[in-house]
Amino acid sequence: MKKRTLSVTLLSYLLIAMGTIGFVYHFSEFYKQHLFAYDDVWALGVRLLAIVAGVFMLRGKDWARWLAMAWIAFHVVLSSFHSMGEVAMHALFLVVFAVALFRPVANQYFRAKA
């Protein structure tokens, strides 16, 4: 059994924290509105995906790192509707995620748990 790398641990906790903070924020906005807005439901779902990815990456599930990659790739696409600065920042995060999650030691960690 391989030990979890620091980069996977930090990224997992970051995803859990970002997902939780975003979920609480969007839920409070959702709760304040009297109308049912599908955008808010999607925002809550995306935040939940971050939490799920973080929790299961800590448990060594290989599919969770792919979920984390899909989550950040979705944000790159979503930021393309905003400024180029946002696209560049999210693209940089995508590279950081890829390096952290697909280094040889991370591969060993996820394969050992499979």
PDB file of N, CA and C in Angstrom:
ATOM      1  N   MET A   1       0.844  -1.176   0.000  1.00  0.00           N
ATOM      2  CA  MET A   1       0.000   0.000   0.000  1.00  0.00           C
ATOM      3  C   MET A   1       0.892   1.243   0.000  1.00  0.00           C
ATOM      4  N   LYS A   2       0.652   2.132  -0.951  1.00  0.00           N
ATOM      5  CA  LYS A   2       1.464   3.337  -1.078  1.00  0.00           C
ATOM      6  C   LYS A   2       0.875   4.462  -0.243  1.00  0.00           C
ATOM      7  N   LYS A   3       1.759   5.335   0.214  1.00  0.00           N
ATOM      8  CA  LYS A   3       1.351   6.484   0.996  1.00  0.00           C
ATOM      9  C   LYS A   3       0.873   7.597   0.062  1.00  0.00           C
ATOM     10  N   ARG A   4      -0.130   8.323   0.505  1.00  0.00           N
ATOM     11  CA  ARG A   4      -0.672   9.436  -0.274  1.00  0.00           C
ATOM     12  C   ARG A   4       0.369  10.553  -0.342  1.00  0.00           C
ATOM     13  N   THR A   5       0.526  11.142  -1.505  1.00  0.00           N
ATOM     14  CA  THR A   5       1.481  12.230  -1.673  1.00  0.00           C
ATOM     15  C   THR A   5       0.919  13.517  -1.075  1.00  0.00           C
ATOM     16  N   LEU A   6       1.813  14.417  -0.731  1.00  0.00           N
ATOM     17  CA  LEU A   6       1.409  15.702  -0.171  1.00  0.00           C
ATOM     18  C   LEU A   6       0.569  16.492  -1.174  1.00  0.00           C
ATOM     19  N   SER A   7       0.957  16.435  -2.445  1.00  0.00           N
ATOM     20  CA  SER A   7       0.217  17.196  -3.454  1.00  0.00           C
ATOM     21  C   SER A   7      -1.223  16.699  -3.596  1.00  0.00           C
ATOM     22  N   VAL A   8      -1.427  15.385  -3.529  1.00  0.00           N
ATOM     23  CA  VAL A   8      -2.777  14.828  -3.610  1.00  0.00           C
ATOM     24  C   VAL A   8      -3.571  15.216  -2.364  1.00  0.00           C
ATOM     25  N   THR A   9      -2.925  15.164  -1.216  1.00  0.00           N
ATOM     26  CA  THR A   9      -3.592  15.541   0.037  1.00  0.00           C
ATOM     27  C   THR A   9      -4.028  16.997   0.011  1.00  0.00           C
ATOM     28  N   LEU A  10      -3.101  17.878  -0.352  1.00  0.00           N
ATOM     29  CA  LEU A  10      -3.421  19.309  -0.394  1.00  0.00           C
ATOM     30  C   LEU A  10      -4.513  19.614  -1.414  1.00  0.00           C
ATOM     31  N   LEU A  11      -4.413  19.012  -2.581  1.00  0.00           N
ATOM     32  CA  LEU A  11      -5.416  19.254  -3.619  1.00  0.00           C
ATOM     33  C   LEU A  11      -6.779  18.720  -3.193  1.00  0.00           C
ATOM     34  N   SER A  12      -6.796  17.584  -2.528  1.00  0.00           N
ATOM     35  CA  SER A  12      -8.051  17.013  -2.038  1.00  0.00           C
ATOM     36  C   SER A  12      -8.720  17.936  -1.033  1.00  0.00           C
ATOM     37  N   TYR A  13      -7.950  18.397  -0.054  1.00  0.00           N
ATOM     38  CA  TYR A  13      -8.513  19.304   0.947  1.00  0.00           C
ATOM     39  C   TYR A  13      -8.914  20.641   0.335  1.00  0.00           C
ATOM     40  N   LEU A  14      -8.171  21.098  -0.656  1.00  0.00           N
ATOM     41  CA  LEU A  14      -8.538  22.332  -1.351  1.00  0.00           C
ATOM     42  C   LEU A  14      -9.876  22.176  -2.066  1.00  0.00           C
ATOM     43  N   LEU A  15     -10.057  21.050  -2.744  1.00  0.00           N
ATOM     44  CA  LEU A  15     -11.336  20.794  -3.414  1.00  0.00           C
ATOM     45  C   LEU A  15     -12.485  20.716  -2.413  1.00  0.00           C
ATOM     46  N   ILE A  16     -12.259  20.044  -1.301  1.00  0.00           N
ATOM     47  CA  ILE A  16     -13.303  19.945  -0.277  1.00  0.00           C
ATOM     48  C   ILE A  16     -13.647  21.332   0.267  1.00  0.00           C
ATOM     49  N   ALA A  17     -12.626  22.130   0.556  1.00  0.00           N
ATOM     50  CA  ALA A  17     -12.858  23.473   1.095  1.00  0.00           C
ATOM     51  C   ALA A  17     -13.565  24.367   0.073  1.00  0.00           C
ATOM     52  N   MET A  18     -13.076  24.368  -1.159  1.00  0.00           N
ATOM     53  CA  MET A  18     -13.694  25.206  -2.193  1.00  0.00           C
ATOM     54  C   MET A  18     -15.131  24.774  -2.460  1.00  0.00           C
ATOM     55  N   GLY A  19     -15.350  23.475  -2.501  1.00  0.00           N
ATOM     56  CA  GLY A  19     -16.692  22.972  -2.734  1.00  0.00           C
ATOM     57  C   GLY A  19     -17.639  23.329  -1.596  1.00  0.00           C
ATOM     58  N   THR A  20     -17.160  23.198  -0.370  1.00  0.00           N
ATOM     59  CA  THR A  20     -17.992  23.499   0.795  1.00  0.00           C
ATOM     60  C   THR A  20     -18.324  24.987   0.863  1.00  0.00           C
ATOM     61  N   ILE A  21     -17.321  25.827   0.705  1.00  0.00           N
ATOM     62  CA  ILE A  21     -17.542  27.276   0.740  1.00  0.00           C
ATOM     63  C   ILE A  21     -18.492  27.687  -0.377  1.00  0.00           C
ATOM     64  N   GLY A  22     -18.260  27.189  -1.573  1.00  0.00           N
ATOM     65  CA  GLY A  22     -19.131  27.518  -2.701  1.00  0.00           C
ATOM     66  C   GLY A  22     -20.540  26.999  -2.507  1.00  0.00           C
ATOM     67  N   PHE A  23     -20.667  25.797  -1.940  1.00  0.00           N
ATOM     68  CA  PHE A  23     -21.991  25.228  -1.711  1.00  0.00           C
ATOM     69  C   PHE A  23     -22.772  26.069  -0.708  1.00  0.00           C
ATOM     70  N   VAL A  24     -22.120  26.450   0.391  1.00  0.00           N
ATOM     71  CA  VAL A  24     -22.796  27.275   1.406  1.00  0.00           C
ATOM     72  C   VAL A  24     -23.197  28.615   0.810  1.00  0.00           C
ATOM     73  N   TYR A  25     -22.306  29.228   0.045  1.00  0.00           N
ATOM     74  CA  TYR A  25     -22.619  30.515  -0.578  1.00  0.00           C
ATOM     75  C   TYR A  25     -23.797  30.382  -1.536  1.00  0.00           C
ATOM     76  N   HIS A  26     -23.734  29.424  -2.451  1.00  0.00           N
ATOM     77  CA  HIS A  26     -24.799  29.277  -3.439  1.00  0.00           C
ATOM     78  C   HIS A  26     -26.103  28.794  -2.810  1.00  0.00           C
ATOM     79  N   PHE A  27     -26.010  27.987  -1.765  1.00  0.00           N
ATOM     80  CA  PHE A  27     -27.223  27.537  -1.092  1.00  0.00           C
ATOM     81  C   PHE A  27     -27.915  28.703  -0.401  1.00  0.00           C
ATOM     82  N   SER A  28     -27.131  29.600   0.201  1.00  0.00           N
ATOM     83  CA  SER A  28     -27.742  30.767   0.852  1.00  0.00           C
ATOM     84  C   SER A  28     -28.415  31.665  -0.179  1.00  0.00           C
ATOM     85  N   GLU A  29     -27.818  31.791  -1.360  1.00  0.00           N
ATOM     86  CA  GLU A  29     -28.436  32.568  -2.440  1.00  0.00           C
ATOM     87  C   GLU A  29     -29.686  31.864  -2.954  1.00  0.00           C
ATOM     88  N   PHE A  30     -29.596  30.556  -3.077  1.00  0.00           N
ATOM     89  CA  PHE A  30     -30.719  29.750  -3.548  1.00  0.00           C
ATOM     90  C   PHE A  30     -31.882  29.836  -2.566  1.00  0.00           C
ATOM     91  N   TYR A  31     -31.557  29.813  -1.293  1.00  0.00           N
ATOM     92  CA  TYR A  31     -32.565  29.828  -0.240  1.00  0.00           C
ATOM     93  C   TYR A  31     -33.267  31.189  -0.159  1.00  0.00           C
ATOM     94  N   LYS A  32     -32.542  32.273  -0.454  1.00  0.00           N
ATOM     95  CA  LYS A  32     -33.108  33.622  -0.396  1.00  0.00           C
ATOM     96  C   LYS A  32     -34.119  33.877  -1.501  1.00  0.00           C
ATOM     97  N   GLN A  33     -33.918  33.223  -2.642  1.00  0.00           N
ATOM     98  CA  GLN A  33     -34.798  33.458  -3.783  1.00  0.00           C
ATOM     99  C   GLN A  33     -36.099  32.695  -3.598  1.00  0.00           C
ATOM    100  N   HIS A  34     -37.148  33.289  -4.108  1.00  0.00           N
ATOM    101  CA  HIS A  34     -38.447  32.634  -4.040  1.00  0.00           C
ATOM    102  C   HIS A  34     -38.726  31.833  -5.307  1.00  0.00           C
ATOM    103  N   LEU A  35     -38.002  32.145  -6.360  1.00  0.00           N
ATOM    104  CA  LEU A  35     -38.194  31.443  -7.624  1.00  0.00           C
ATOM    105  C   LEU A  35     -37.171  30.329  -7.753  1.00  0.00           C
ATOM    106  N   PHE A  36     -37.570  29.253  -8.377  1.00  0.00           N
ATOM    107  CA  PHE A  36     -36.672  28.126  -8.604  1.00  0.00           C
ATOM    108  C   PHE A  36     -35.806  28.433  -9.810  1.00  0.00           C
ATOM    109  N   ALA A  37     -34.507  28.528  -9.615  1.00  0.00           N
ATOM    110  CA  ALA A  37     -33.591  28.862 -10.705  1.00  0.00           C
ATOM    111  C   ALA A  37     -32.689  27.657 -10.985  1.00  0.00           C
ATOM    112  N   TYR A  38     -32.710  27.196 -12.227  1.00  0.00           N
ATOM    113  CA  TYR A  38     -31.889  26.048 -12.602  1.00  0.00           C
ATOM    114  C   TYR A  38     -30.402  26.350 -12.504  1.00  0.00           C
ATOM    115  N   ASP A  39     -30.017  27.603 -12.726  1.00  0.00           N
ATOM    116  CA  ASP A  39     -28.601  27.956 -12.610  1.00  0.00           C
ATOM    117  C   ASP A  39     -28.081  27.695 -11.206  1.00  0.00           C
ATOM    118  N   ASP A  40     -28.915  27.975 -10.213  1.00  0.00           N
ATOM    119  CA  ASP A  40     -28.495  27.740  -8.835  1.00  0.00           C
ATOM    120  C   ASP A  40     -28.341  26.247  -8.547  1.00  0.00           C
ATOM    121  N   VAL A  41     -29.213  25.447  -9.113  1.00  0.00           N
ATOM    122  CA  VAL A  41     -29.119  23.996  -8.927  1.00  0.00           C
ATOM    123  C   VAL A  41     -27.832  23.480  -9.558  1.00  0.00           C
ATOM    124  N   TRP A  42     -27.512  23.967 -10.748  1.00  0.00           N
ATOM    125  CA  TRP A  42     -26.266  23.560 -11.405  1.00  0.00           C
ATOM    126  C   TRP A  42     -25.050  23.980 -10.581  1.00  0.00           C
ATOM    127  N   ALA A  43     -25.088  25.199 -10.036  1.00  0.00           N
ATOM    128  CA  ALA A  43     -23.974  25.686  -9.217  1.00  0.00           C
ATOM    129  C   ALA A  43     -23.795  24.808  -7.982  1.00  0.00           C
ATOM    130  N   LEU A  44     -24.902  24.427  -7.348  1.00  0.00           N
ATOM    131  CA  LEU A  44     -24.815  23.544  -6.182  1.00  0.00           C
ATOM    132  C   LEU A  44     -24.254  22.178  -6.571  1.00  0.00           C
ATOM    133  N   GLY A  45     -24.679  21.666  -7.719  1.00  0.00           N
ATOM    134  CA  GLY A  45     -24.190  20.377  -8.193  1.00  0.00           C
ATOM    135  C   GLY A  45     -22.707  20.381  -8.473  1.00  0.00           C
ATOM    136  N   VAL A  46     -22.229  21.454  -9.092  1.00  0.00           N
ATOM    137  CA  VAL A  46     -20.801  21.567  -9.397  1.00  0.00           C
ATOM    138  C   VAL A  46     -19.989  21.623  -8.106  1.00  0.00           C
ATOM    139  N   ARG A  47     -20.509  22.329  -7.109  1.00  0.00           N
ATOM    140  CA  ARG A  47     -19.819  22.403  -5.812  1.00  0.00           C
ATOM    141  C   ARG A  47     -19.791  21.032  -5.131  1.00  0.00           C
ATOM    142  N   LEU A  48     -20.883  20.312  -5.231  1.00  0.00           N
ATOM    143  CA  LEU A  48     -20.917  18.962  -4.649  1.00  0.00           C
ATOM    144  C   LEU A  48     -19.915  18.039  -5.328  1.00  0.00           C
ATOM    145  N   LEU A  49     -19.745  18.193  -6.636  1.00  0.00           N
ATOM    146  CA  LEU A  49     -18.767  17.375  -7.354  1.00  0.00           C
ATOM    147  C   LEU A  49     -17.351  17.619  -6.847  1.00  0.00           C
ATOM    148  N   ALA A  50     -17.039  18.869  -6.512  1.00  0.00           N
ATOM    149  CA  ALA A  50     -15.714  19.181  -5.966  1.00  0.00           C
ATOM    150  C   ALA A  50     -15.512  18.474  -4.630  1.00  0.00           C
ATOM    151  N   ILE A  51     -16.547  18.484  -3.792  1.00  0.00           N
ATOM    152  CA  ILE A  51     -16.457  17.827  -2.489  1.00  0.00           C
ATOM    153  C   ILE A  51     -16.283  16.318  -2.667  1.00  0.00           C
ATOM    154  N   VAL A  52     -17.076  15.734  -3.540  1.00  0.00           N
ATOM    155  CA  VAL A  52     -16.991  14.293  -3.798  1.00  0.00           C
ATOM    156  C   VAL A  52     -15.605  13.920  -4.321  1.00  0.00           C
ATOM    157  N   ALA A  53     -15.100  14.696  -5.265  1.00  0.00           N
ATOM    158  CA  ALA A  53     -13.767  14.412  -5.813  1.00  0.00           C
ATOM    159  C   ALA A  53     -12.710  14.483  -4.723  1.00  0.00           C
ATOM    160  N   GLY A  54     -12.764  15.502  -3.887  1.00  0.00           N
ATOM    161  CA  GLY A  54     -11.776  15.645  -2.822  1.00  0.00           C
ATOM    162  C   GLY A  54     -11.821  14.514  -1.816  1.00  0.00           C
ATOM    163  N   VAL A  55     -13.015  14.163  -1.382  1.00  0.00           N
ATOM    164  CA  VAL A  55     -13.160  13.096  -0.385  1.00  0.00           C
ATOM    165  C   VAL A  55     -12.656  11.762  -0.934  1.00  0.00           C
ATOM    166  N   PHE A  56     -13.051  11.436  -2.148  1.00  0.00           N
ATOM    167  CA  PHE A  56     -12.676  10.131  -2.680  1.00  0.00           C
ATOM    168  C   PHE A  56     -11.236  10.085  -3.186  1.00  0.00           C
ATOM    169  N   MET A  57     -10.647  11.233  -3.484  1.00  0.00           N
ATOM    170  CA  MET A  57      -9.209  11.235  -3.782  1.00  0.00           C
ATOM    171  C   MET A  57      -8.425  10.916  -2.516  1.00  0.00           C
ATOM    172  N   LEU A  58      -8.896  11.402  -1.371  1.00  0.00           N
ATOM    173  CA  LEU A  58      -8.246  11.060  -0.110  1.00  0.00           C
ATOM    174  C   LEU A  58      -8.320   9.562   0.161  1.00  0.00           C
ATOM    175  N   ARG A  59      -9.350   8.925  -0.354  1.00  0.00           N
ATOM    176  CA  ARG A  59      -9.520   7.480  -0.174  1.00  0.00           C
ATOM    177  C   ARG A  59      -8.815   6.680  -1.276  1.00  0.00           C
ATOM    178  N   GLY A  60      -8.179   7.386  -2.216  1.00  0.00           N
ATOM    179  CA  GLY A  60      -7.388   6.708  -3.230  1.00  0.00           C
ATOM    180  C   GLY A  60      -8.167   6.193  -4.426  1.00  0.00           C
ATOM    181  N   LYS A  61      -9.341   6.709  -4.661  1.00  0.00           N
ATOM    182  CA  LYS A  61     -10.155   6.259  -5.795  1.00  0.00           C
ATOM    183  C   LYS A  61      -9.674   6.931  -7.079  1.00  0.00           C
ATOM    184  N   ASP A  62      -9.323   6.114  -8.049  1.00  0.00           N
ATOM    185  CA  ASP A  62      -8.789   6.617  -9.312  1.00  0.00           C
ATOM    186  C   ASP A  62      -9.804   7.468 -10.062  1.00  0.00           C
ATOM    187  N   TRP A  63     -11.077   7.081 -10.033  1.00  0.00           N
ATOM    188  CA  TRP A  63     -12.097   7.840 -10.751  1.00  0.00           C
ATOM    189  C   TRP A  63     -12.238   9.251 -10.190  1.00  0.00           C
ATOM    190  N   ALA A  64     -11.880   9.435  -8.911  1.00  0.00           N
ATOM    191  CA  ALA A  64     -12.026  10.751  -8.282  1.00  0.00           C
ATOM    192  C   ALA A  64     -11.033  11.761  -8.847  1.00  0.00           C
ATOM    193  N   ARG A  65      -9.839  11.295  -9.190  1.00  0.00           N
ATOM    194  CA  ARG A  65      -8.899  12.250  -9.785  1.00  0.00           C
ATOM    195  C   ARG A  65      -9.348  12.652 -11.179  1.00  0.00           C
ATOM    196  N   TRP A  66     -10.003  11.731 -11.895  1.00  0.00           N
ATOM    197  CA  TRP A  66     -10.556  12.092 -13.204  1.00  0.00           C
ATOM    198  C   TRP A  66     -11.729  13.054 -13.043  1.00  0.00           C
ATOM    199  N   LEU A  67     -12.506  12.874 -12.003  1.00  0.00           N
ATOM    200  CA  LEU A  67     -13.594  13.814 -11.708  1.00  0.00           C
ATOM    201  C   LEU A  67     -13.027  15.190 -11.391  1.00  0.00           C
ATOM    202  N   ALA A  68     -11.947  15.235 -10.631  1.00  0.00           N
ATOM    203  CA  ALA A  68     -11.306  16.515 -10.312  1.00  0.00           C
ATOM    204  C   ALA A  68     -10.791  17.194 -11.580  1.00  0.00           C
ATOM    205  N   MET A  69     -10.214  16.407 -12.481  1.00  0.00           N
ATOM    206  CA  MET A  69      -9.745  16.977 -13.756  1.00  0.00           C
ATOM    207  C   MET A  69     -10.918  17.499 -14.589  1.00  0.00           C
ATOM    208  N   ALA A  70     -12.005  16.747 -14.624  1.00  0.00           N
ATOM    209  CA  ALA A  70     -13.190  17.205 -15.365  1.00  0.00           C
ATOM    210  C   ALA A  70     -13.759  18.465 -14.732  1.00  0.00           C
ATOM    211  N   TRP A  71     -13.728  18.530 -13.401  1.00  0.00           N
ATOM    212  CA  TRP A  71     -14.252  19.684 -12.673  1.00  0.00           C
ATOM    213  C   TRP A  71     -13.472  20.944 -13.041  1.00  0.00           C
ATOM    214  N   ILE A  72     -12.143  20.871 -13.024  1.00  0.00           N
ATOM    215  CA  ILE A  72     -11.352  22.062 -13.339  1.00  0.00           C
ATOM    216  C   ILE A  72     -11.402  22.366 -14.839  1.00  0.00           C
ATOM    217  N   ALA A  73     -11.486  21.352 -15.682  1.00  0.00           N
ATOM    218  CA  ALA A  73     -11.618  21.591 -17.125  1.00  0.00           C
ATOM    219  C   ALA A  73     -12.940  22.292 -17.423  1.00  0.00           C
ATOM    220  N   PHE A  74     -13.998  21.916 -16.717  1.00  0.00           N
ATOM    221  CA  PHE A  74     -15.288  22.590 -16.855  1.00  0.00           C
ATOM    222  C   PHE A  74     -15.152  24.065 -16.513  1.00  0.00           C
ATOM    223  N   HIS A  75     -14.365  24.364 -15.481  1.00  0.00           N
ATOM    224  CA  HIS A  75     -14.163  25.768 -15.100  1.00  0.00           C
ATOM    225  C   HIS A  75     -13.360  26.534 -16.151  1.00  0.00           C
ATOM    226  N   VAL A  76     -12.445  25.855 -16.824  1.00  0.00           N
ATOM    227  CA  VAL A  76     -11.714  26.516 -17.915  1.00  0.00           C
ATOM    228  C   VAL A  76     -12.694  26.891 -19.022  1.00  0.00           C
ATOM    229  N   VAL A  77     -13.557  25.960 -19.382  1.00  0.00           N
ATOM    230  CA  VAL A  77     -14.557  26.235 -20.425  1.00  0.00           C
ATOM    231  C   VAL A  77     -15.503  27.331 -19.970  1.00  0.00           C
ATOM    232  N   LEU A  78     -15.972  27.251 -18.740  1.00  0.00           N
ATOM    233  CA  LEU A  78     -16.903  28.243 -18.211  1.00  0.00           C
ATOM    234  C   LEU A  78     -16.272  29.629 -18.168  1.00  0.00           C
ATOM    235  N   SER A  79     -14.997  29.700 -17.820  1.00  0.00           N
ATOM    236  CA  SER A  79     -14.321  30.998 -17.744  1.00  0.00           C
ATOM    237  C   SER A  79     -14.075  31.600 -19.124  1.00  0.00           C
ATOM    238  N   SER A  80     -14.190  30.795 -20.173  1.00  0.00           N
ATOM    239  CA  SER A  80     -14.009  31.342 -21.522  1.00  0.00           C
ATOM    240  C   SER A  80     -15.119  32.327 -21.884  1.00  0.00           C
ATOM    241  N   PHE A  81     -16.196  32.317 -21.127  1.00  0.00           N
ATOM    242  CA  PHE A  81     -17.268  33.293 -21.342  1.00  0.00           C
ATOM    243  C   PHE A  81     -17.013  34.588 -20.579  1.00  0.00           C
ATOM    244  N   HIS A  82     -15.900  34.639 -19.851  1.00  0.00           N
ATOM    245  CA  HIS A  82     -15.531  35.823 -19.090  1.00  0.00           C
ATOM    246  C   HIS A  82     -14.253  36.405 -19.676  1.00  0.00           C
ATOM    247  N   SER A  83     -13.388  36.908 -18.843  1.00  0.00           N
ATOM    248  CA  SER A  83     -12.172  37.560 -19.325  1.00  0.00           C
ATOM    249  C   SER A  83     -11.076  36.546 -19.647  1.00  0.00           C
ATOM    250  N   MET A  84     -10.118  36.983 -20.435  1.00  0.00           N
ATOM    251  CA  MET A  84      -8.970  36.134 -20.764  1.00  0.00           C
ATOM    252  C   MET A  84      -8.127  35.858 -19.518  1.00  0.00           C
ATOM    253  N   GLY A  85      -8.139  36.776 -18.578  1.00  0.00           N
ATOM    254  CA  GLY A  85      -7.416  36.558 -17.326  1.00  0.00           C
ATOM    255  C   GLY A  85      -7.966  35.366 -16.563  1.00  0.00           C
ATOM    256  N   GLU A  86      -9.298  35.244 -16.551  1.00  0.00           N
ATOM    257  CA  GLU A  86      -9.920  34.097 -15.880  1.00  0.00           C
ATOM    258  C   GLU A  86      -9.588  32.797 -16.602  1.00  0.00           C
ATOM    259  N   VAL A  87      -9.590  32.836 -17.914  1.00  0.00           N
ATOM    260  CA  VAL A  87      -9.238  31.639 -18.687  1.00  0.00           C
ATOM    261  C   VAL A  87      -7.805  31.229 -18.374  1.00  0.00           C
ATOM    262  N   ALA A  88      -6.908  32.189 -18.360  1.00  0.00           N
ATOM    263  CA  ALA A  88      -5.496  31.900 -18.086  1.00  0.00           C
ATOM    264  C   ALA A  88      -5.313  31.328 -16.678  1.00  0.00           C
ATOM    265  N   MET A  89      -6.012  31.892 -15.703  1.00  0.00           N
ATOM    266  CA  MET A  89      -5.880  31.416 -14.322  1.00  0.00           C
ATOM    267  C   MET A  89      -6.423  29.995 -14.179  1.00  0.00           C
ATOM    268  N   HIS A  90      -7.593  29.740 -14.759  1.00  0.00           N
ATOM    269  CA  HIS A  90      -8.159  28.394 -14.677  1.00  0.00           C
ATOM    270  C   HIS A  90      -7.316  27.387 -15.473  1.00  0.00           C
ATOM    271  N   ALA A  91      -6.758  27.821 -16.585  1.00  0.00           N
ATOM    272  CA  ALA A  91      -5.884  26.934 -17.357  1.00  0.00           C
ATOM    273  C   ALA A  91      -4.622  26.601 -16.555  1.00  0.00           C
ATOM    274  N   LEU A  92      -4.113  27.577 -15.838  1.00  0.00           N
ATOM    275  CA  LEU A  92      -2.961  27.330 -14.973  1.00  0.00           C
ATOM    276  C   LEU A  92      -3.324  26.320 -13.878  1.00  0.00           C
ATOM    277  N   PHE A  93      -4.501  26.474 -13.282  1.00  0.00           N
ATOM    278  CA  PHE A  93      -4.964  25.506 -12.283  1.00  0.00           C
ATOM    279  C   PHE A  93      -5.119  24.116 -12.894  1.00  0.00           C
ATOM    280  N   LEU A  94      -5.578  24.046 -14.130  1.00  0.00           N
ATOM    281  CA  LEU A  94      -5.708  22.760 -14.818  1.00  0.00           C
ATOM    282  C   LEU A  94      -4.347  22.075 -14.935  1.00  0.00           C
ATOM    283  N   VAL A  95      -3.335  22.840 -15.275  1.00  0.00           N
ATOM    284  CA  VAL A  95      -1.978  22.290 -15.375  1.00  0.00           C
ATOM    285  C   VAL A  95      -1.489  21.824 -14.003  1.00  0.00           C
ATOM    286  N   VAL A  96      -1.746  22.616 -12.971  1.00  0.00           N
ATOM    287  CA  VAL A  96      -1.341  22.243 -11.609  1.00  0.00           C
ATOM    288  C   VAL A  96      -2.044  20.951 -11.187  1.00  0.00           C
ATOM    289  N   PHE A  97      -3.336  20.852 -11.456  1.00  0.00           N
ATOM    290  CA  PHE A  97      -4.080  19.626 -11.146  1.00  0.00           C
ATOM    291  C   PHE A  97      -3.457  18.432 -11.867  1.00  0.00           C
ATOM    292  N   ALA A  98      -3.188  18.598 -13.158  1.00  0.00           N
ATOM    293  CA  ALA A  98      -2.648  17.494 -13.954  1.00  0.00           C
ATOM    294  C   ALA A  98      -1.287  17.041 -13.422  1.00  0.00           C
ATOM    295  N   VAL A  99      -0.431  17.984 -13.108  1.00  0.00           N
ATOM    296  CA  VAL A  99       0.893  17.642 -12.585  1.00  0.00           C
ATOM    297  C   VAL A  99       0.758  16.940 -11.232  1.00  0.00           C
ATOM    298  N   ALA A 100      -0.082  17.469 -10.371  1.00  0.00           N
ATOM    299  CA  ALA A 100      -0.230  16.887  -9.031  1.00  0.00           C
ATOM    300  C   ALA A 100      -0.868  15.507  -9.068  1.00  0.00           C
ATOM    301  N   LEU A 101      -1.814  15.304  -9.963  1.00  0.00           N
ATOM    302  CA  LEU A 101      -2.585  14.064  -9.955  1.00  0.00           C
ATOM    303  C   LEU A 101      -2.028  12.962 -10.854  1.00  0.00           C
ATOM    304  N   PHE A 102      -1.124  13.312 -11.758  1.00  0.00           N
ATOM    305  CA  PHE A 102      -0.633  12.297 -12.697  1.00  0.00           C
ATOM    306  C   PHE A 102       0.880  12.126 -12.668  1.00  0.00           C
ATOM    307  N   ARG A 103       1.516  12.600 -11.616  1.00  0.00           N
ATOM    308  CA  ARG A 103       2.933  12.293 -11.437  1.00  0.00           C
ATOM    309  C   ARG A 103       3.061  10.806 -11.138  1.00  0.00           C
ATOM    310  N   PRO A 104       4.218  10.219 -11.375  1.00  0.00           N
ATOM    311  CA  PRO A 104       4.387   8.782 -11.129  1.00  0.00           C
ATOM    312  C   PRO A 104       4.040   8.346  -9.704  1.00  0.00           C
ATOM    313  N   VAL A 105       4.398   9.152  -8.692  1.00  0.00           N
ATOM    314  CA  VAL A 105       4.077   8.759  -7.323  1.00  0.00           C
ATOM    315  C   VAL A 105       2.574   8.820  -7.066  1.00  0.00           C
ATOM    316  N   ALA A 106       1.890   9.773  -7.683  1.00  0.00           N
ATOM    317  CA  ALA A 106       0.429   9.853  -7.555  1.00  0.00           C
ATOM    318  C   ALA A 106      -0.218   8.675  -8.277  1.00  0.00           C
ATOM    319  N   ASN A 107       0.327   8.327  -9.436  1.00  0.00           N
ATOM    320  CA  ASN A 107      -0.192   7.150 -10.161  1.00  0.00           C
ATOM    321  C   ASN A 107      -0.081   5.897  -9.299  1.00  0.00           C
ATOM    322  N   GLN A 108       1.040   5.738  -8.618  1.00  0.00           N
ATOM    323  CA  GLN A 108       1.220   4.573  -7.748  1.00  0.00           C
ATOM    324  C   GLN A 108       0.207   4.580  -6.610  1.00  0.00           C
ATOM    325  N   TYR A 109      -0.034   5.749  -6.045  1.00  0.00           N
ATOM    326  CA  TYR A 109      -1.005   5.858  -4.944  1.00  0.00           C
ATOM    327  C   TYR A 109      -2.396   5.442  -5.406  1.00  0.00           C
ATOM    328  N   PHE A 110      -2.815   5.945  -6.542  1.00  0.00           N
ATOM    329  CA  PHE A 110      -4.159   5.636  -7.010  1.00  0.00           C
ATOM    330  C   PHE A 110      -4.274   4.191  -7.499  1.00  0.00           C
ATOM    331  N   ARG A 111      -3.227   3.668  -8.064  1.00  0.00           N
ATOM    332  CA  ARG A 111      -3.264   2.271  -8.518  1.00  0.00           C
ATOM    333  C   ARG A 111      -3.210   1.290  -7.355  1.00  0.00           C
ATOM    334  N   ALA A 112      -2.520   1.662  -6.284  1.00  0.00           N
ATOM    335  CA  ALA A 112      -2.418   0.783  -5.118  1.00  0.00           C
ATOM    336  C   ALA A 112      -3.763   0.626  -4.428  1.00  0.00           C
ATOM    337  N   LYS A 113      -4.615   1.619  -4.552  1.00  0.00           N
ATOM    338  CA  LYS A 113      -5.926   1.583  -3.909  1.00  0.00           C
ATOM    339  C   LYS A 113      -6.988   0.946  -4.781  1.00  0.00           C
ATOM    340  N   ALA A 114      -6.688   0.771  -6.054  1.00  0.00           N
ATOM    341  CA  ALA A 114      -7.711   0.257  -6.981  1.00  0.00           C
ATOM    342  C   ALA A 114      -8.052  -1.187  -6.711  1.00  0.00           C
TER     343      ALA A 114
END
